[in-house]
Amino acid sequence: MTSGELRTAEAGAMPRRGGHRYEVLDGKLLVTGAQPPIHHTAVVGLLVRLKQACPAELLVTVGSLDFRPVPGVSLRPDLMVCRRDEAGPQIVVRPPLLAVEVISASTRVTDVVLKRARYEQYGVPSYWLLDPDNHELTVLHLTDNTYTCHTVAHSDERFETDFPFSVSFSPTQLMS
């Protein structure tokens, strides 16, 4: 480890002040600042929908578990669905079934480019990008080790899926 690298354990031990989120990629610290109210509205709206539909053997988390697939990488999606028996007290090592990032102006490039590539690389079967400003949900599925766009739902358009479990909603419903 060089002086500029950070261990994932150190990132996990950092205090969560002012709504900041700390993640580590290749030993480099990524800090996300406090997000606007619409971001939190979207996270809570989706959390409620997912929790209501989630079977007992799965776990829906909101920023409370780090996904640590390899040393030097610690990702904390806005929402994550994993197998309950694979969740430790603070981390998940095996790929979650679903990672969700809620896009904001300050996280757009990280979520759409960097995290997409990493979730794909580490075998996360489904990655959702929720854009609360545009009331849009983009659903990516891992096919032959590459994400393909499965669905893009806009505004009042109903999104339905059976993976990781059966759930249905429109992007606009998540904002109300």
C-alpha atoms as a PDB file:
ATOM      1  CA  MET A   1       0.000   0.000   0.000  1.00  0.00           C
ATOM      2  CA  THR A   2       1.403   3.391  -0.961  1.00  0.00           C
ATOM      3  CA  SER A   3       0.895   6.533   1.071  1.00  0.00           C
ATOM      4  CA  GLY A   4      -1.954   7.604  -1.252  1.00  0.00           C
ATOM      5  CA  GLU A   5      -3.864   4.338  -0.898  1.00  0.00           C
ATOM      6  CA  LEU A   6      -6.534   3.652   1.637  1.00  0.00           C
ATOM      7  CA  ARG A   7      -7.537   0.301   3.029  1.00  0.00           C
ATOM      8  CA  THR A   8     -11.208  -0.578   2.830  1.00  0.00           C
ATOM      9  CA  ALA A   9     -11.304  -1.098   6.594  1.00  0.00           C
ATOM     10  CA  GLU A  10     -10.170   2.495   7.091  1.00  0.00           C
ATOM     11  CA  ALA A  11     -12.981   3.798   4.878  1.00  0.00           C
ATOM     12  CA  GLY A  12     -15.533   1.764   6.818  1.00  0.00           C
ATOM     13  CA  ALA A  13     -14.268   3.228  10.079  1.00  0.00           C
ATOM     14  CA  MET A  14     -14.582   6.853   8.927  1.00  0.00           C
ATOM     15  CA  PRO A  15     -17.261   8.846  10.707  1.00  0.00           C
ATOM     16  CA  ARG A  16     -20.366   9.590   8.646  1.00  0.00           C
ATOM     17  CA  ARG A  17     -20.556  13.350   9.070  1.00  0.00           C
ATOM     18  CA  GLY A  18     -22.818  15.733   7.218  1.00  0.00           C
ATOM     19  CA  GLY A  19     -24.323  12.997   5.074  1.00  0.00           C
ATOM     20  CA  HIS A  20     -21.020  12.098   3.393  1.00  0.00           C
ATOM     21  CA  ARG A  21     -20.508   8.618   1.989  1.00  0.00           C
ATOM     22  CA  TYR A  22     -17.045   7.053   1.769  1.00  0.00           C
ATOM     23  CA  GLU A  23     -16.098   4.405  -0.762  1.00  0.00           C
ATOM     24  CA  VAL A  24     -12.759   2.978  -1.923  1.00  0.00           C
ATOM     25  CA  LEU A  25     -11.772   2.008  -5.469  1.00  0.00           C
ATOM     26  CA  ASP A  26      -8.281   0.668  -6.089  1.00  0.00           C
ATOM     27  CA  GLY A  27      -7.106   2.149  -2.810  1.00  0.00           C
ATOM     28  CA  LYS A  28      -8.417   5.641  -3.692  1.00  0.00           C
ATOM     29  CA  LEU A  29     -11.028   7.307  -1.519  1.00  0.00           C
ATOM     30  CA  LEU A  30     -14.282   8.479  -3.133  1.00  0.00           C
ATOM     31  CA  VAL A  31     -16.287  10.917  -1.035  1.00  0.00           C
ATOM     32  CA  THR A  32     -19.867  11.763  -1.935  1.00  0.00           C
ATOM     33  CA  GLY A  33     -21.272  14.866  -0.304  1.00  0.00           C
ATOM     34  CA  ALA A  34     -24.713  15.325   1.199  1.00  0.00           C
ATOM     35  CA  GLN A  35     -27.436  14.799  -1.389  1.00  0.00           C
ATOM     36  CA  PRO A  36     -30.469  17.014  -2.123  1.00  0.00           C
ATOM     37  CA  PRO A  37     -33.927  16.206  -0.711  1.00  0.00           C
ATOM     38  CA  ILE A  38     -35.160  14.722  -4.017  1.00  0.00           C
ATOM     39  CA  HIS A  39     -32.389  12.105  -3.775  1.00  0.00           C
ATOM     40  CA  HIS A  40     -33.583  11.030  -0.320  1.00  0.00           C
ATOM     41  CA  THR A  41     -37.208  11.025  -1.465  1.00  0.00           C
ATOM     42  CA  ALA A  42     -36.288   8.642  -4.284  1.00  0.00           C
ATOM     43  CA  VAL A  43     -34.249   6.364  -1.994  1.00  0.00           C
ATOM     44  CA  VAL A  44     -37.047   6.150   0.586  1.00  0.00           C
ATOM     45  CA  GLY A  45     -39.728   5.658  -2.087  1.00  0.00           C
ATOM     46  CA  LEU A  46     -37.827   2.752  -3.616  1.00  0.00           C
ATOM     47  CA  LEU A  47     -36.912   1.340  -0.211  1.00  0.00           C
ATOM     48  CA  VAL A  48     -40.588   1.142   0.777  1.00  0.00           C
ATOM     49  CA  ARG A  49     -41.539  -0.615  -2.485  1.00  0.00           C
ATOM     50  CA  LEU A  50     -38.672  -3.102  -2.239  1.00  0.00           C
ATOM     51  CA  LYS A  51     -39.134  -3.836   1.484  1.00  0.00           C
ATOM     52  CA  GLN A  52     -42.852  -4.542   0.994  1.00  0.00           C
ATOM     53  CA  ALA A  53     -42.101  -7.073  -1.750  1.00  0.00           C
ATOM     54  CA  CYS A  54     -38.886  -8.610  -0.390  1.00  0.00           C
ATOM     55  CA  PRO A  55     -38.984 -12.301   0.606  1.00  0.00           C
ATOM     56  CA  ALA A  56     -37.618 -13.255   4.034  1.00  0.00           C
ATOM     57  CA  GLU A  57     -34.422 -14.847   2.692  1.00  0.00           C
ATOM     58  CA  LEU A  58     -33.322 -11.575   1.080  1.00  0.00           C
ATOM     59  CA  LEU A  59     -32.298  -8.273   2.646  1.00  0.00           C
ATOM     60  CA  VAL A  60     -32.871  -4.733   1.348  1.00  0.00           C
ATOM     61  CA  THR A  61     -30.335  -2.238   2.686  1.00  0.00           C
ATOM     62  CA  VAL A  62     -29.933   1.522   2.379  1.00  0.00           C
ATOM     63  CA  GLY A  63     -26.299   2.550   2.593  1.00  0.00           C
ATOM     64  CA  SER A  64     -25.672   0.333   5.609  1.00  0.00           C
ATOM     65  CA  LEU A  65     -23.547  -2.402   4.005  1.00  0.00           C
ATOM     66  CA  ASP A  66     -20.380  -2.100   1.947  1.00  0.00           C
ATOM     67  CA  PHE A  67     -19.872  -4.405  -1.011  1.00  0.00           C
ATOM     68  CA  ARG A  68     -16.218  -5.503  -0.771  1.00  0.00           C
ATOM     69  CA  PRO A  69     -15.557  -7.943  -3.604  1.00  0.00           C
ATOM     70  CA  VAL A  70     -11.744  -7.708  -3.431  1.00  0.00           C
ATOM     71  CA  PRO A  71      -9.167  -5.964  -1.235  1.00  0.00           C
ATOM     72  CA  GLY A  72      -8.954  -2.260  -2.067  1.00  0.00           C
ATOM     73  CA  VAL A  73     -12.577  -1.991  -3.223  1.00  0.00           C
ATOM     74  CA  SER A  74     -15.461  -0.894  -1.013  1.00  0.00           C
ATOM     75  CA  LEU A  75     -18.678   0.185  -2.747  1.00  0.00           C
ATOM     76  CA  ARG A  76     -21.765   1.422  -0.947  1.00  0.00           C
ATOM     77  CA  PRO A  77     -24.769   1.614  -3.286  1.00  0.00           C
ATOM     78  CA  ASP A  78     -27.745   3.777  -2.331  1.00  0.00           C
ATOM     79  CA  LEU A  79     -29.813   0.575  -2.099  1.00  0.00           C
ATOM     80  CA  MET A  80     -28.766  -3.036  -2.280  1.00  0.00           C
ATOM     81  CA  VAL A  81     -30.551  -6.393  -2.252  1.00  0.00           C
ATOM     82  CA  CYS A  82     -28.507  -9.369  -1.092  1.00  0.00           C
ATOM     83  CA  ARG A  83     -29.074 -12.784   0.393  1.00  0.00           C
ATOM     84  CA  ARG A  84     -29.673 -12.388   4.116  1.00  0.00           C
ATOM     85  CA  ASP A  85     -27.269 -15.219   4.962  1.00  0.00           C
ATOM     86  CA  GLU A  86     -24.461 -13.513   3.004  1.00  0.00           C
ATOM     87  CA  ALA A  87     -24.725 -10.174   4.802  1.00  0.00           C
ATOM     88  CA  GLY A  88     -22.216  -9.553   7.561  1.00  0.00           C
ATOM     89  CA  PRO A  89     -22.686  -6.836  10.171  1.00  0.00           C
ATOM     90  CA  GLN A  90     -21.046  -4.224   7.917  1.00  0.00           C
ATOM     91  CA  ILE A  91     -20.028  -5.835   4.644  1.00  0.00           C
ATOM     92  CA  VAL A  92     -21.096  -8.139   1.838  1.00  0.00           C
ATOM     93  CA  VAL A  93     -18.334  -9.954  -0.044  1.00  0.00           C
ATOM     94  CA  ARG A  94     -20.366 -11.895  -2.614  1.00  0.00           C
ATOM     95  CA  PRO A  95     -22.089  -9.830  -5.306  1.00  0.00           C
ATOM     96  CA  PRO A  96     -25.475  -8.494  -4.217  1.00  0.00           C
ATOM     97  CA  LEU A  97     -28.396  -9.478  -6.430  1.00  0.00           C
ATOM     98  CA  LEU A  98     -29.207  -5.822  -7.067  1.00  0.00           C
ATOM     99  CA  ALA A  99     -27.332  -2.541  -6.674  1.00  0.00           C
ATOM    100  CA  VAL A 100     -29.215   0.738  -7.078  1.00  0.00           C
ATOM    101  CA  GLU A 101     -27.726   4.198  -7.432  1.00  0.00           C
ATOM    102  CA  VAL A 102     -29.878   7.310  -7.342  1.00  0.00           C
ATOM    103  CA  ILE A 103     -28.304   9.763  -9.752  1.00  0.00           C
ATOM    104  CA  SER A 104     -27.676  13.365  -8.817  1.00  0.00           C
ATOM    105  CA  ALA A 105     -25.656  16.111 -10.484  1.00  0.00           C
ATOM    106  CA  SER A 106     -22.660  15.376  -8.251  1.00  0.00           C
ATOM    107  CA  THR A 107     -22.733  11.578  -8.745  1.00  0.00           C
ATOM    108  CA  ARG A 108     -23.854  11.152 -12.374  1.00  0.00           C
ATOM    109  CA  VAL A 109     -20.437  10.303 -13.890  1.00  0.00           C
ATOM    110  CA  THR A 110     -19.456   8.072 -10.958  1.00  0.00           C
ATOM    111  CA  ASP A 111     -22.774   6.178 -11.037  1.00  0.00           C
ATOM    112  CA  VAL A 112     -23.199   5.883 -14.810  1.00  0.00           C
ATOM    113  CA  VAL A 113     -19.587   5.161 -15.758  1.00  0.00           C
ATOM    114  CA  LEU A 114     -17.349   4.141 -12.866  1.00  0.00           C
ATOM    115  CA  LYS A 115     -19.751   2.189 -10.660  1.00  0.00           C
ATOM    116  CA  ARG A 116     -21.468   0.582 -13.635  1.00  0.00           C
ATOM    117  CA  ALA A 117     -18.098  -0.777 -14.775  1.00  0.00           C
ATOM    118  CA  ARG A 118     -17.239  -2.048 -11.299  1.00  0.00           C
ATOM    119  CA  TYR A 119     -20.602  -3.682 -10.582  1.00  0.00           C
ATOM    120  CA  GLU A 120     -20.320  -5.324 -13.998  1.00  0.00           C
ATOM    121  CA  GLN A 121     -16.724  -6.431 -13.332  1.00  0.00           C
ATOM    122  CA  TYR A 122     -17.636  -7.929  -9.957  1.00  0.00           C
ATOM    123  CA  GLY A 123     -20.702  -9.810 -11.228  1.00  0.00           C
ATOM    124  CA  VAL A 124     -23.676  -7.889  -9.775  1.00  0.00           C
ATOM    125  CA  PRO A 125     -26.581  -9.414 -11.770  1.00  0.00           C
ATOM    126  CA  SER A 126     -28.773  -6.304 -11.844  1.00  0.00           C
ATOM    127  CA  TYR A 127     -27.923  -2.600 -11.638  1.00  0.00           C
ATOM    128  CA  TRP A 128     -30.594   0.088 -11.519  1.00  0.00           C
ATOM    129  CA  LEU A 129     -29.990   3.787 -12.100  1.00  0.00           C
ATOM    130  CA  LEU A 130     -32.778   5.987 -10.781  1.00  0.00           C
ATOM    131  CA  ASP A 131     -32.804   9.597 -11.967  1.00  0.00           C
ATOM    132  CA  PRO A 132     -35.238  11.510  -9.717  1.00  0.00           C
ATOM    133  CA  ASP A 133     -34.909  14.790 -11.630  1.00  0.00           C
ATOM    134  CA  ASN A 134     -36.131  13.164 -14.856  1.00  0.00           C
ATOM    135  CA  HIS A 135     -38.380  10.521 -13.212  1.00  0.00           C
ATOM    136  CA  GLU A 136     -36.483   7.803 -15.047  1.00  0.00           C
ATOM    137  CA  LEU A 137     -35.368   4.298 -14.095  1.00  0.00           C
ATOM    138  CA  THR A 138     -32.760   2.467 -16.179  1.00  0.00           C
ATOM    139  CA  VAL A 139     -32.489  -1.276 -15.506  1.00  0.00           C
ATOM    140  CA  LEU A 140     -29.337  -3.120 -16.530  1.00  0.00           C
ATOM    141  CA  HIS A 141     -28.945  -6.908 -16.445  1.00  0.00           C
ATOM    142  CA  LEU A 142     -25.668  -8.797 -16.566  1.00  0.00           C
ATOM    143  CA  THR A 143     -25.581 -10.923 -19.714  1.00  0.00           C
ATOM    144  CA  ASP A 144     -22.372 -12.753 -20.669  1.00  0.00           C
ATOM    145  CA  ASN A 145     -20.419 -10.618 -18.148  1.00  0.00           C
ATOM    146  CA  THR A 146     -21.670  -7.380 -19.738  1.00  0.00           C
ATOM    147  CA  TYR A 147     -24.531  -5.094 -18.739  1.00  0.00           C
ATOM    148  CA  THR A 148     -27.314  -4.769 -21.264  1.00  0.00           C
ATOM    149  CA  CYS A 149     -30.160  -2.309 -20.955  1.00  0.00           C
ATOM    150  CA  HIS A 150     -33.262  -4.279 -20.064  1.00  0.00           C
ATOM    151  CA  THR A 151     -35.724  -1.432 -19.490  1.00  0.00           C
ATOM    152  CA  VAL A 152     -35.951   2.333 -19.286  1.00  0.00           C
ATOM    153  CA  ALA A 153     -39.122   3.427 -17.482  1.00  0.00           C
ATOM    154  CA  HIS A 154     -40.196   7.080 -17.633  1.00  0.00           C
ATOM    155  CA  SER A 155     -42.515   9.057 -15.353  1.00  0.00           C
ATOM    156  CA  ASP A 156     -45.846   7.191 -14.966  1.00  0.00           C
ATOM    157  CA  GLU A 157     -44.721   4.220 -17.065  1.00  0.00           C
ATOM    158  CA  ARG A 158     -45.089   1.069 -14.989  1.00  0.00           C
ATOM    159  CA  PHE A 159     -41.963  -1.005 -14.359  1.00  0.00           C
ATOM    160  CA  GLU A 160     -42.454  -4.675 -13.452  1.00  0.00           C
ATOM    161  CA  THR A 161     -39.800  -7.250 -12.654  1.00  0.00           C
ATOM    162  CA  ASP A 162     -39.400 -10.685 -11.134  1.00  0.00           C
ATOM    163  CA  PHE A 163     -35.721 -10.214 -10.295  1.00  0.00           C
ATOM    164  CA  PRO A 164     -34.531 -10.197  -7.595  1.00  0.00           C
ATOM    165  CA  PHE A 165     -38.197 -10.646  -6.654  1.00  0.00           C
ATOM    166  CA  SER A 166     -41.553  -9.554  -7.979  1.00  0.00           C
ATOM    167  CA  VAL A 167     -42.152  -5.806  -7.655  1.00  0.00           C
ATOM    168  CA  SER A 168     -43.951  -3.151  -9.666  1.00  0.00           C
ATOM    169  CA  PHE A 169     -43.958   0.675  -9.614  1.00  0.00           C
ATOM    170  CA  SER A 170     -43.502   3.758 -11.779  1.00  0.00           C
ATOM    171  CA  PRO A 171     -40.626   6.221 -11.303  1.00  0.00           C
ATOM    172  CA  THR A 172     -43.122   8.992 -10.473  1.00  0.00           C
ATOM    173  CA  GLN A 173     -44.592   6.899  -7.620  1.00  0.00           C
ATOM    174  CA  LEU A 174     -41.179   6.845  -5.968  1.00  0.00           C
ATOM    175  CA  MET A 175     -41.118  10.647  -5.825  1.00  0.00           C
ATOM    176  CA  SER A 176     -44.452  11.071  -4.042  1.00  0.00           C
END
